[in-house]
């Protein structure tokens, strides 16, 4: 089975969110299941190409509307895989920028975002046309690659390599759909007869790349079973496309993301100062002290640390935290956050640091070693997301014995079972009603449990026994691929 995995970001080369983690881990797991899988992604300026052994694969021209751009394809092996090749599509005008999606000078998305990824998708097709390797299936991810299923079905006469090829489209987040002025359709290369069909390509007067994929892909999946149901249920989760998804309900499935335990496991994590396990837990307390030291906070042995690694945006539940921050910080706890996002939350936490210097520390950046240290050194991990397609940090936290507090939505509902202090069943704390009151009450319940050391040990042991490795999820992807190809 030959599969090309098309993605806008992939760990360890480029990373903004969970898509990169999936793209860096799932192909390795699929390789172990016997899939001949290759990955293709933009070659951004931020990628440290000098750190990898690169091959120059091909150079050719790609039309985007009336203009033509040069594409240079480079390749290297995906680290920690046996033989998974990663191909980079290089172009100075589109990808030689400091940011991946956002102009770092303005803080806004690039005005030519549509053209950038039209170029990327068209370059994929032209490269396949000239290469000896032909995939049976194209695995497309999010709006950056969402036109590819339509190219397969509408442009096979121009590109014979596409004949008989199948597609799977994975939704990582319905909130980001790739909506653009419909004039960009003239740059896609589709015949006018295709995009004059408003029902497929038009969305309230614009063109919606995700909608195109939902119409054209052979199969659609998203990254947790609960989220697959939610995106068909309402505007809140479907962002206007819930009806389109529901029309394809028989072709929609949810496969929970997995965890790459070669990177996220306290037994052999080389980014934390002290390794530990459920059997030998002493290293966790040492990491806790190091986390406090690096964040210039006083060590309080009996005060639990709540960690967060997140984008500072409404979707991640920061609107609830904003409403209740003073009430939360009045509790016996310390809060350590890593992430960047909306300016209003930067201001919120800058003020909180001034008002509660002994209780709050915020790292306004993405720092991978600090992310690992927060997982290892915190006692609790907070993820009150309004919606969460899957989420990975709650699963990382379980392995590190750092107990999640989550809003019961999407993948958070699929992975975190609310702890029952009487039956001692459960691996974290969750709340169903999306309100600041429910959030605060759940934090209080977690703090009460923390004070009961015998009960806390039961809960921590439950958490650290959980196994969300990619192997199970990869097997489900193989079944999905087979159902499409057969």
Protein backbone atom coordinates (compact mmCIF):
# COMPACT_ATOMS: atom_id res chain seq x y z
CA UNK A 1 0.00 0.00 0.00
CA UNK A 2 1.56 3.30 -1.11
CA UNK A 3 0.45 6.46 0.70
CA UNK A 4 1.56 10.08 0.34
CA UNK A 5 0.90 12.12 3.48
CA UNK A 6 0.47 15.81 2.60
CA UNK A 7 0.73 18.27 5.48
CA UNK A 8 1.52 21.93 6.15
CA UNK A 9 3.74 21.11 9.12
CA UNK A 10 5.62 18.12 10.48
CA UNK A 11 7.72 17.57 13.61
CA UNK A 12 10.68 17.99 13.96
CA UNK A 13 10.99 20.24 10.93
CA UNK A 14 8.11 22.69 11.42
CA UNK A 15 5.54 23.01 14.18
CA UNK A 16 2.71 25.32 15.14
CA UNK A 17 0.18 22.86 16.58
CA UNK A 18 -0.90 19.25 16.95
CA UNK A 19 -0.93 18.65 13.18
CA UNK A 20 2.88 18.67 13.26
CA UNK A 21 2.97 16.03 16.01
CA UNK A 22 0.59 13.78 14.08
CA UNK A 23 2.55 14.21 10.85
CA UNK A 24 5.79 13.38 12.60
CA UNK A 25 4.51 10.30 14.45
CA UNK A 26 1.73 8.61 12.43
CA UNK A 27 3.91 7.86 9.36
CA UNK A 28 6.46 6.08 11.57
CA UNK A 29 3.70 3.93 13.07
CA UNK A 30 2.22 3.22 9.64
CA UNK A 31 5.65 2.12 8.41
CA UNK A 32 5.64 -0.54 11.14
CA UNK A 33 2.30 -1.74 9.77
CA UNK A 34 3.88 -2.31 6.35
CA UNK A 35 2.65 0.86 4.63
CA UNK A 36 4.98 2.41 2.05
CA UNK A 37 4.40 5.97 3.25
CA UNK A 38 6.07 9.22 2.31
CA UNK A 39 5.47 12.74 3.64
CA UNK A 40 5.40 16.00 1.69
CA UNK A 41 5.41 19.46 3.28
CA UNK A 42 6.47 23.03 2.48
CA UNK A 43 10.15 23.82 2.91
CA UNK A 44 9.90 26.83 5.21
CA UNK A 45 12.79 29.18 5.89
CA UNK A 46 12.60 28.29 9.59
CA UNK A 47 13.56 24.64 8.95
CA UNK A 48 17.17 23.94 9.94
CA UNK A 49 18.04 22.20 6.67
CA UNK A 50 21.75 22.20 7.57
CA UNK A 51 21.00 19.67 10.33
CA UNK A 52 19.76 17.04 7.86
CA UNK A 53 21.27 15.09 5.01
CA UNK A 54 19.29 16.33 2.01
CA UNK A 55 18.86 15.05 -1.52
CA UNK A 56 17.94 17.32 -4.42
CA UNK A 57 15.01 15.51 -6.04
CA UNK A 58 13.53 17.74 -8.75
CA UNK A 59 13.04 21.30 -10.00
CA UNK A 60 10.13 22.41 -12.17
CA UNK A 61 7.71 25.28 -12.82
CA UNK A 62 4.26 25.54 -11.25
CA UNK A 63 1.49 27.81 -12.56
CA UNK A 64 -0.61 29.74 -10.06
CA UNK A 65 -3.09 31.76 -12.07
CA UNK A 66 -1.30 33.84 -14.70
CA UNK A 67 2.10 33.56 -12.98
CA UNK A 68 4.59 30.70 -12.86
CA UNK A 69 6.80 29.86 -9.89
CA UNK A 70 9.73 27.52 -9.49
CA UNK A 71 9.42 24.51 -7.17
CA UNK A 72 12.49 22.74 -5.83
CA UNK A 73 11.91 19.35 -4.17
CA UNK A 74 14.37 18.20 -1.50
CA UNK A 75 14.16 15.07 0.64
CA UNK A 76 15.51 13.51 3.80
CA UNK A 77 14.61 10.65 6.13
CA UNK A 78 12.07 11.25 8.89
CA UNK A 79 14.10 10.99 12.13
CA UNK A 80 13.55 7.79 14.13
CA UNK A 81 11.91 6.07 11.16
CA UNK A 82 13.42 3.20 9.24
CA UNK A 83 12.83 4.52 5.75
CA UNK A 84 10.10 7.19 5.71
CA UNK A 85 11.12 9.92 3.29
CA UNK A 86 10.06 13.53 3.85
CA UNK A 87 9.90 15.74 0.76
CA UNK A 88 10.09 19.53 1.04
CA UNK A 89 8.59 21.86 -1.54
CA UNK A 90 10.84 24.92 -1.65
CA UNK A 91 10.02 28.31 -3.13
CA UNK A 92 11.56 31.58 -1.99
CA UNK A 93 8.57 33.82 -2.65
CA UNK A 94 6.03 31.67 -0.78
CA UNK A 95 8.02 29.89 1.94
CA UNK A 96 11.16 31.94 2.59
CA UNK A 97 9.52 33.84 5.44
CA UNK A 98 10.09 33.99 9.18
CA UNK A 99 6.61 32.76 10.11
CA UNK A 100 4.73 29.71 8.87
CA UNK A 101 1.19 31.09 8.80
CA UNK A 102 1.51 34.51 10.44
CA UNK A 103 3.56 37.54 9.43
CA UNK A 104 5.70 38.15 12.50
CA UNK A 105 5.87 41.89 11.71
CA UNK A 106 2.11 42.39 11.75
CA UNK A 107 0.83 39.46 13.78
CA UNK A 108 -1.67 38.77 11.00
CA UNK A 109 -2.04 35.88 8.58
CA UNK A 110 -0.36 36.28 5.21
CA UNK A 111 -2.52 38.02 2.61
CA UNK A 112 -1.45 35.49 -0.05
CA UNK A 113 -2.23 32.42 2.08
CA UNK A 114 -4.47 30.94 -0.63
CA UNK A 115 -1.80 31.32 -3.33
CA UNK A 116 0.89 29.81 -1.08
CA UNK A 117 -0.99 26.58 -0.59
CA UNK A 118 -2.44 26.43 -4.10
CA UNK A 119 1.21 26.47 -5.19
CA UNK A 120 2.04 23.73 -2.68
CA UNK A 121 -0.81 21.48 -3.83
CA UNK A 122 -0.15 22.00 -7.53
CA UNK A 123 3.56 21.31 -6.96
CA UNK A 124 2.65 17.97 -5.34
CA UNK A 125 0.67 16.91 -8.40
CA UNK A 126 3.34 17.96 -10.89
CA UNK A 127 6.04 16.23 -8.88
CA UNK A 128 4.02 12.99 -8.81
CA UNK A 129 3.47 13.26 -12.55
CA UNK A 130 7.22 13.24 -13.11
CA UNK A 131 8.25 10.75 -10.43
CA UNK A 132 8.46 6.97 -10.74
CA UNK A 133 6.71 6.40 -7.39
CA UNK A 134 2.92 6.59 -7.59
CA UNK A 135 0.83 6.47 -4.42
CA UNK A 136 -2.39 4.48 -4.23
CA UNK A 137 -3.79 7.06 -1.84
CA UNK A 138 -3.24 10.69 -0.92
CA UNK A 139 -3.76 11.44 2.78
CA UNK A 140 -4.66 15.16 3.00
CA UNK A 141 -4.72 17.19 6.20
CA UNK A 142 -6.64 20.38 6.99
CA UNK A 143 -7.37 23.23 4.59
CA UNK A 144 -3.77 23.61 3.40
CA UNK A 145 -4.12 20.43 1.31
CA UNK A 146 -7.90 20.40 0.94
CA UNK A 147 -8.07 20.93 -2.85
CA UNK A 148 -6.07 17.77 -3.57
CA UNK A 149 -9.10 15.41 -3.54
CA UNK A 150 -10.75 17.68 -6.14
CA UNK A 151 -7.59 17.78 -8.26
CA UNK A 152 -7.55 13.97 -8.25
CA UNK A 153 -11.09 13.74 -9.59
CA UNK A 154 -11.14 16.76 -11.89
CA UNK A 155 -7.66 16.89 -13.42
CA UNK A 156 -6.81 13.26 -14.22
CA UNK A 157 -6.94 14.01 -17.96
CA UNK A 158 -4.21 16.61 -17.58
CA UNK A 159 -2.24 14.54 -15.04
CA UNK A 160 -2.64 10.80 -15.80
CA UNK A 161 -0.78 9.92 -12.58
CA UNK A 162 -4.01 10.85 -10.74
CA UNK A 163 -6.11 8.21 -12.48
CA UNK A 164 -7.38 5.68 -9.97
CA UNK A 165 -5.77 7.49 -7.03
CA UNK A 166 -7.87 7.68 -3.85
CA UNK A 167 -7.99 10.25 -1.07
CA UNK A 168 -8.54 10.44 2.67
CA UNK A 169 -9.10 13.85 4.25
CA UNK A 170 -8.37 14.40 7.94
CA UNK A 171 -9.92 17.32 9.81
CA UNK A 172 -7.66 18.40 12.64
CA UNK A 173 -9.70 21.49 13.49
CA UNK A 174 -12.99 22.62 11.93
CA UNK A 175 -12.32 26.15 13.13
CA UNK A 176 -9.73 26.71 10.40
CA UNK A 177 -11.35 26.09 7.02
CA UNK A 178 -9.31 28.07 4.50
CA UNK A 179 -11.97 30.57 3.45
CA UNK A 180 -10.86 33.01 0.73
CA UNK A 181 -12.27 35.46 -1.79
CA UNK A 182 -13.70 33.41 -4.64
CA UNK A 183 -11.39 35.20 -7.09
CA UNK A 184 -8.60 32.85 -5.96
CA UNK A 185 -10.38 30.04 -7.81
CA UNK A 186 -8.98 31.49 -11.02
CA UNK A 187 -5.52 30.56 -9.67
CA UNK A 188 -6.29 26.91 -8.92
CA UNK A 189 -6.20 25.61 -12.49
CA UNK A 190 -9.65 24.04 -12.27
CA UNK A 191 -11.85 24.45 -15.36
CA UNK A 192 -14.51 27.12 -14.93
CA UNK A 193 -17.22 24.49 -15.29
CA UNK A 194 -16.10 23.01 -11.97
CA UNK A 195 -16.13 26.09 -9.81
CA UNK A 196 -19.27 27.57 -11.22
CA UNK A 197 -20.99 24.77 -9.32
CA UNK A 198 -21.67 26.97 -6.29
CA UNK A 199 -22.82 24.11 -4.12
CA UNK A 200 -19.37 22.53 -4.12
CA UNK A 201 -16.92 25.43 -4.22
CA UNK A 202 -18.81 28.43 -2.88
CA UNK A 203 -19.52 29.19 0.75
CA UNK A 204 -21.47 32.39 1.43
CA UNK A 205 -19.89 34.10 -1.56
CA UNK A 206 -16.37 32.92 -0.80
CA UNK A 207 -14.48 29.76 -1.61
CA UNK A 208 -13.97 27.36 1.27
CA UNK A 209 -11.08 24.93 0.76
CA UNK A 210 -12.26 22.57 3.51
CA UNK A 211 -15.73 22.37 2.01
CA UNK A 212 -14.18 21.26 -1.29
CA UNK A 213 -12.40 18.39 0.47
CA UNK A 214 -15.57 17.39 2.31
CA UNK A 215 -17.33 17.10 -1.05
CA UNK A 216 -14.57 15.34 -3.01
CA UNK A 217 -12.58 13.11 -0.60
CA UNK A 218 -13.30 9.38 -0.74
CA UNK A 219 -13.28 9.15 3.05
CA UNK A 220 -13.24 11.79 5.78
CA UNK A 221 -11.96 11.34 9.28
CA UNK A 222 -11.18 13.46 12.26
CA UNK A 223 -8.96 12.97 15.25
CA UNK A 224 -11.31 11.58 17.89
CA UNK A 225 -14.64 9.70 17.88
CA UNK A 226 -16.44 12.33 19.96
CA UNK A 227 -15.27 15.17 17.72
CA UNK A 228 -16.50 13.26 14.66
CA UNK A 229 -20.00 13.33 16.17
CA UNK A 230 -19.72 16.92 17.40
CA UNK A 231 -18.83 18.44 14.01
CA UNK A 232 -22.09 17.11 12.57
CA UNK A 233 -24.18 18.26 15.51
CA UNK A 234 -24.21 22.06 15.53
CA UNK A 235 -22.80 25.37 14.37
CA UNK A 236 -20.76 25.51 17.57
CA UNK A 237 -18.56 22.61 16.42
CA UNK A 238 -19.17 22.58 12.65
CA UNK A 239 -18.53 26.29 12.03
CA UNK A 240 -21.11 26.38 9.25
CA UNK A 241 -20.08 23.10 7.59
CA UNK A 242 -21.98 20.77 9.93
CA UNK A 243 -24.58 20.10 7.24
CA UNK A 244 -21.93 19.25 4.65
CA UNK A 245 -20.28 16.81 7.05
CA UNK A 246 -23.63 15.26 7.93
CA UNK A 247 -24.35 14.65 4.24
CA UNK A 248 -21.21 12.48 4.21
CA UNK A 249 -21.96 10.81 7.55
CA UNK A 250 -21.45 7.29 6.17
CA UNK A 251 -17.94 8.27 5.06
CA UNK A 252 -16.94 10.04 8.29
CA UNK A 253 -15.04 8.40 11.13
CA UNK A 254 -13.04 9.43 14.18
CA UNK A 255 -9.62 7.95 14.94
CA UNK A 256 -8.02 9.13 18.14
CA UNK A 257 -4.55 10.58 17.78
CA UNK A 258 -1.79 8.70 19.51
CA UNK A 259 1.27 9.66 21.52
CA UNK A 260 4.85 9.21 20.38
CA UNK A 261 6.21 7.70 23.57
CA UNK A 262 9.74 7.74 22.16
CA UNK A 263 9.52 11.51 22.72
CA UNK A 264 6.93 11.87 25.48
CA UNK A 265 7.72 9.46 28.30
CA UNK A 266 9.42 10.33 31.61
CA UNK A 267 11.44 7.10 31.64
CA UNK A 268 13.71 8.24 28.80
CA UNK A 269 12.84 11.88 28.07
CA UNK A 270 16.20 13.55 27.43
CA UNK A 271 14.69 17.05 27.74
CA UNK A 272 13.98 16.73 31.47
CA UNK A 273 16.74 16.71 34.08
CA UNK A 274 15.47 13.71 36.05
CA UNK A 275 13.92 10.60 34.54
CA UNK A 276 11.33 8.64 36.50
CA UNK A 277 8.56 6.06 36.21
CA UNK A 278 5.43 4.97 38.04
CA UNK A 279 7.55 2.50 40.04
CA UNK A 280 10.35 4.97 40.82
CA UNK A 281 8.55 8.29 41.09
CA UNK A 282 11.14 10.28 43.05
CA UNK A 283 12.44 12.05 39.93
CA UNK A 284 9.11 13.84 39.52
CA UNK A 285 9.64 15.88 42.70
CA UNK A 286 13.12 16.86 41.49
CA UNK A 287 11.69 17.99 38.17
CA UNK A 288 9.12 19.96 40.13
CA UNK A 289 11.88 21.84 41.97
CA UNK A 290 13.68 22.50 38.68
CA UNK A 291 10.48 23.79 37.07
CA UNK A 292 9.99 26.26 39.92
CA UNK A 293 13.65 27.33 39.81
CA UNK A 294 13.56 27.99 36.06
CA UNK A 295 10.39 30.03 36.49
CA UNK A 296 11.87 31.93 39.46
CA UNK A 297 9.17 30.80 41.84
CA UNK A 298 9.49 29.81 45.48
CA UNK A 299 9.26 26.09 46.15
CA UNK A 300 6.24 25.27 48.29
CA UNK A 301 6.25 21.53 48.93
CA UNK A 302 2.55 21.30 49.79
CA UNK A 303 1.28 23.69 47.11
CA UNK A 304 0.30 21.94 43.87
CA UNK A 305 1.55 23.28 40.54
CA UNK A 306 -0.91 23.57 37.67
CA UNK A 307 0.76 23.63 34.27
CA UNK A 308 -0.50 24.73 30.89
CA UNK A 309 1.11 24.45 27.43
CA UNK A 310 -1.25 26.09 24.99
CA UNK A 311 -2.07 28.75 22.47
CA UNK A 312 -3.53 31.67 24.42
CA UNK A 313 -6.83 31.89 22.56
CA UNK A 314 -10.53 31.63 23.38
CA UNK A 315 -10.81 28.12 21.90
CA UNK A 316 -8.39 26.80 24.53
CA UNK A 317 -10.64 27.99 27.35
CA UNK A 318 -8.83 31.20 28.22
CA UNK A 319 -12.10 33.10 28.17
CA UNK A 320 -13.15 31.01 31.20
CA UNK A 321 -9.79 31.53 32.88
CA UNK A 322 -10.11 35.29 32.29
CA UNK A 323 -13.51 35.33 34.04
CA UNK A 324 -12.25 33.37 37.03
CA UNK A 325 -8.53 34.16 37.28
CA UNK A 326 -8.65 36.04 40.59
CA UNK A 327 -10.81 33.29 42.11
CA UNK A 328 -8.44 30.61 40.81
CA UNK A 329 -5.35 32.40 42.13
CA UNK A 330 -6.98 32.81 45.54
CA UNK A 331 -6.70 29.02 45.87
CA UNK A 332 -3.65 27.23 47.22
CA UNK A 333 -1.83 26.60 43.94
CA UNK A 334 0.89 27.86 41.62
CA UNK A 335 0.20 28.38 37.89
CA UNK A 336 2.90 27.99 35.21
CA UNK A 337 1.98 28.66 31.57
CA UNK A 338 3.84 28.28 28.29
CA UNK A 339 2.44 29.72 25.06
CA UNK A 340 1.60 32.70 22.91
CA UNK A 341 -1.62 33.94 21.39
CA UNK A 342 -4.09 36.80 21.54
CA UNK A 343 -2.73 40.07 22.90
CA UNK A 344 -5.57 40.39 25.40
CA UNK A 345 -4.31 37.26 27.16
CA UNK A 346 -0.72 38.46 27.10
CA UNK A 347 -1.95 41.58 28.92
CA UNK A 348 -4.09 39.50 31.29
CA UNK A 349 -1.19 37.35 32.45
CA UNK A 350 1.31 40.20 32.50
CA UNK A 351 -0.95 41.88 35.07
CA UNK A 352 -1.42 38.59 36.95
CA UNK A 353 2.36 38.21 37.26
CA UNK A 354 2.54 41.69 38.82
CA UNK A 355 -0.36 41.01 41.20
CA UNK A 356 0.59 37.43 42.11
CA UNK A 357 4.36 37.10 41.50
CA UNK A 358 4.67 34.16 43.86
CA UNK A 359 1.80 32.26 42.21
CA UNK A 360 2.01 32.89 38.44
CA UNK A 361 4.73 32.42 35.84
CA UNK A 362 4.16 32.73 32.09
CA UNK A 363 6.59 31.95 29.28
CA UNK A 364 5.31 33.91 26.26
CA UNK A 365 7.00 31.66 23.70
CA UNK A 366 7.09 28.12 22.45
CA UNK A 367 9.97 26.31 24.08
CA UNK A 368 10.05 22.53 23.67
CA UNK A 369 12.35 21.78 26.65
CA UNK A 370 10.10 23.93 28.85
CA UNK A 371 7.03 22.10 27.52
CA UNK A 372 8.56 18.80 28.61
CA UNK A 373 9.58 20.21 31.99
CA UNK A 374 6.06 21.53 32.63
CA UNK A 375 4.68 18.05 31.90
CA UNK A 376 7.22 16.44 34.21
CA UNK A 377 7.25 18.99 37.02
CA UNK A 378 3.59 19.96 37.36
CA UNK A 379 1.12 18.15 39.58
CA UNK A 380 -1.93 19.03 37.46
CA UNK A 381 -2.38 20.05 33.83
CA UNK A 382 -5.20 22.40 32.81
CA UNK A 383 -7.00 22.08 29.43
CA UNK A 384 -10.42 23.76 29.66
CA UNK A 385 -10.86 23.97 25.87
CA UNK A 386 -14.18 25.17 24.47
CA UNK A 387 -13.75 22.47 21.84
CA UNK A 388 -10.81 20.14 21.27
CA UNK A 389 -10.65 17.87 18.21
CA UNK A 390 -8.26 15.54 20.01
CA UNK A 391 -5.64 17.20 22.15
CA UNK A 392 -2.28 15.65 22.91
CA UNK A 393 -1.09 17.36 26.07
CA UNK A 394 -3.68 15.62 28.23
CA UNK A 395 -2.31 12.28 26.99
CA UNK A 396 1.29 13.40 27.55
CA UNK A 397 0.29 14.47 31.07
CA UNK A 398 -1.11 11.06 31.92
CA UNK A 399 2.18 9.36 31.14
CA UNK A 400 4.07 11.92 33.27
CA UNK A 401 1.73 11.43 36.25
CA UNK A 402 0.49 15.01 35.86
CA UNK A 403 -3.26 14.85 36.34
CA UNK A 404 -5.38 16.58 33.66
CA UNK A 405 -8.25 18.94 34.41
CA UNK A 406 -10.32 19.19 31.21
CA UNK A 407 -13.60 20.33 29.71
CA UNK A 408 -15.36 17.16 28.53
CA UNK A 409 -15.37 17.78 24.78
CA UNK A 410 -13.90 16.08 21.71
CA UNK A 411 -10.75 14.09 22.36
CA UNK A 412 -10.63 15.32 25.95
CA UNK A 413 -13.87 13.43 26.61
CA UNK A 414 -12.48 10.34 24.84
CA UNK A 415 -9.28 10.20 26.90
CA UNK A 416 -10.04 11.59 30.37
CA UNK A 417 -12.40 9.75 32.73
CA UNK A 418 -13.52 11.81 35.69
CA UNK A 419 -12.00 10.41 38.91
CA UNK A 420 -14.42 8.94 41.43
CA UNK A 421 -12.90 9.14 44.91
CA UNK A 422 -15.13 6.33 46.21
CA UNK A 423 -14.55 3.75 43.47
CA UNK A 424 -11.04 5.06 42.70
CA UNK A 425 -11.83 4.78 38.99
CA UNK A 426 -10.75 7.50 36.57
CA UNK A 427 -7.60 9.21 35.36
CA UNK A 428 -8.33 12.94 35.72
CA UNK A 429 -10.92 15.61 36.39
CA UNK A 430 -13.50 16.87 33.91
CA UNK A 431 -16.47 19.23 33.75
CA UNK A 432 -19.30 19.20 31.23
CA UNK A 433 -20.82 22.67 31.46
CA UNK A 434 -18.63 25.28 29.77
CA UNK A 435 -18.71 27.92 32.50
CA UNK A 436 -16.12 29.55 34.72
CA UNK A 437 -18.08 28.30 37.75
CA UNK A 438 -17.73 24.69 36.61
CA UNK A 439 -14.03 25.22 35.94
CA UNK A 440 -13.37 26.62 39.40
CA UNK A 441 -15.34 23.88 41.15
CA UNK A 442 -13.40 21.21 39.25
CA UNK A 443 -10.08 22.80 40.19
CA UNK A 444 -11.20 22.86 43.83
CA UNK A 445 -12.14 19.17 43.62
CA UNK A 446 -8.72 18.37 42.17
CA UNK A 447 -6.98 20.29 44.96
CA UNK A 448 -8.96 18.41 47.63
CA UNK A 449 -7.92 15.12 46.08
CA UNK A 450 -4.29 16.27 45.94
CA UNK A 451 -4.28 16.78 49.70
CA UNK A 452 -5.27 13.13 50.24
CA UNK A 453 -1.92 11.51 49.45
CA UNK A 454 -3.21 7.94 49.42
CA UNK A 455 -6.03 8.86 47.05
CA UNK A 456 -3.66 10.92 44.91
CA UNK A 457 -1.34 7.94 44.50
CA UNK A 458 -4.27 5.83 43.25
CA UNK A 459 -5.17 8.52 40.74
CA UNK A 460 -1.60 9.03 39.58
CA UNK A 461 -1.09 5.29 39.12
CA UNK A 462 -4.31 5.11 37.08
CA UNK A 463 -3.05 7.93 34.87
CA UNK A 464 0.42 6.52 34.28
CA UNK A 465 -0.99 3.12 33.27
CA UNK A 466 -2.92 4.63 30.35
CA UNK A 467 -1.61 3.67 26.92
CA UNK A 468 -2.39 5.90 23.95
CA UNK A 469 0.46 4.74 21.72
CA UNK A 470 0.23 5.33 17.97
CA UNK A 471 0.23 1.61 17.18
CA UNK A 472 -3.49 1.13 17.84
CA UNK A 473 -4.44 4.30 15.95
CA UNK A 474 -2.16 3.41 13.04
CA UNK A 475 -3.92 0.06 12.71
CA UNK A 476 -7.23 1.90 12.36
CA UNK A 477 -5.74 4.14 9.67
CA UNK A 478 -4.58 1.05 7.77
CA UNK A 479 -8.15 -0.27 7.90
CA UNK A 480 -9.43 3.10 6.67
CA UNK A 481 -6.95 3.15 3.80
CA UNK A 482 -7.86 -0.41 2.82
CA UNK A 483 -11.57 0.43 2.81
CA UNK A 484 -10.89 3.26 0.35
CA UNK A 485 -8.49 1.40 -1.93
CA UNK A 486 -10.58 -1.75 -2.09
